[in-house]
Protein backbone atom coordinates (compact mmCIF):
# COMPACT_ATOMS: atom_id res chain seq x y z
CA MET A 1 5.60 -4.99 13.44
CA ARG A 2 5.04 -8.30 15.13
CA PRO A 3 2.80 -11.19 14.07
CA SER A 4 -0.86 -10.24 14.44
CA PRO A 5 -4.32 -11.35 13.25
CA ALA A 6 -3.58 -9.47 10.00
CA HIS A 7 -0.76 -11.94 9.37
CA GLU A 8 -3.05 -14.89 10.07
CA ASP A 9 -5.53 -13.47 7.53
CA GLU A 10 -2.65 -12.95 5.07
CA ALA A 11 -3.50 -9.23 4.75
CA TRP A 12 -1.15 -6.99 2.75
CA ILE A 13 1.02 -6.25 5.79
CA SER A 14 2.01 -9.94 5.91
CA LEU A 15 3.83 -9.38 2.60
CA VAL A 16 6.00 -6.60 4.05
CA SER A 17 9.36 -7.19 5.74
CA PRO A 18 12.85 -5.64 5.82
CA VAL A 19 13.58 -7.45 2.54
CA ALA A 20 10.22 -6.56 0.91
CA ASP A 21 9.45 -2.93 1.72
CA LEU A 22 8.07 -1.55 -1.57
CA PRO A 23 4.50 -1.19 -0.24
CA LEU A 24 5.80 0.98 2.60
CA GLN A 25 7.92 3.04 0.19
CA ALA A 26 4.84 3.63 -1.98
CA ILE A 27 2.77 4.72 1.03
CA VAL A 28 5.28 7.24 2.39
CA ALA A 29 6.08 8.60 -1.09
CA ALA A 30 2.36 9.17 -1.68
CA VAL A 31 2.29 11.35 1.44
CA ASP A 32 5.43 13.24 0.38
CA PRO A 33 7.93 12.17 -2.32
CA HIS A 34 10.77 13.33 -0.05
CA LEU A 35 9.91 10.73 2.61
CA ARG A 36 11.52 7.30 2.78
CA ALA A 37 10.71 4.26 4.90
CA GLU A 38 13.71 2.71 6.64
CA VAL A 39 12.84 -0.83 7.75
CA SER A 40 15.01 -2.78 10.18
CA GLY A 41 14.72 -6.05 12.07
CA THR A 42 13.84 -9.60 11.12
CA GLU A 43 11.09 -10.88 8.84
CA THR A 44 8.85 -11.55 11.85
CA ASP A 45 9.74 -8.61 14.10
CA TRP A 46 10.57 -5.33 12.41
CA THR A 47 10.32 -1.58 12.78
CA VAL A 48 9.77 1.14 10.19
CA ARG A 49 11.10 4.66 10.57
CA VAL A 50 10.02 7.44 8.19
CA VAL A 51 12.81 9.87 7.31
CA GLU A 52 12.88 12.98 5.15
CA THR A 53 15.37 13.13 2.27
CA ASP A 54 16.57 15.88 -0.07
CA THR A 55 15.73 13.88 -3.19
CA ALA A 56 12.19 13.17 -4.35
CA ALA A 57 11.47 9.48 -4.90
CA LYS A 58 10.48 8.29 -8.36
CA GLU A 59 6.88 7.09 -8.47
CA LEU A 60 6.69 3.29 -8.43
CA PRO A 61 5.20 1.61 -11.54
CA GLU A 62 2.50 -0.03 -9.40
CA VAL A 63 1.33 3.41 -8.25
CA GLU A 64 1.38 4.76 -11.81
CA VAL A 65 -0.85 1.88 -12.94
CA CYS A 66 -3.36 2.58 -10.14
CA LYS A 67 -3.58 6.24 -11.09
CA PHE A 68 -3.94 5.44 -14.80
CA SER A 69 -6.57 2.74 -14.27
CA GLY A 70 -8.65 4.86 -11.93
CA GLY A 71 -7.93 2.60 -8.97
CA ALA A 72 -6.54 5.55 -7.03
CA SER A 73 -9.85 7.42 -7.32
CA PHE A 74 -12.17 4.46 -6.63
CA GLU A 75 -15.30 5.35 -4.66
CA PHE A 76 -18.21 3.23 -3.51
CA GLU A 77 -21.52 4.16 -5.12
CA ASP A 78 -25.10 3.41 -4.21
CA ARG A 79 -26.11 0.05 -5.56
CA LYS A 80 -28.87 0.18 -8.16
CA SER A 81 -31.24 -2.68 -8.91
CA LEU A 82 -30.77 -4.52 -12.17
CA PRO A 83 -33.54 -4.21 -14.80
CA LEU A 84 -34.63 -7.87 -14.76
CA THR A 85 -37.73 -9.22 -16.46
CA VAL A 86 -39.30 -12.47 -15.31
CA VAL A 87 -39.82 -14.83 -18.23
């Protein structure tokens, strides 16, 4: 990963680096708990490699909260008009 417009917009990827890789760990574990993200490089120029392990990763608390709160199953719905009465 190198600096990009996403970094200028301060998107979530701008918070990820070799010293802050929890978002990447959560993503790969959601695909398969036996996957792990290995991040190397500097804070401004890094690479991620996904490797398979024998041990399943423990689900991160942030992911548990999303599942519990319904955030993991969020879906857009058709917008309905509000029942307003002109006074």
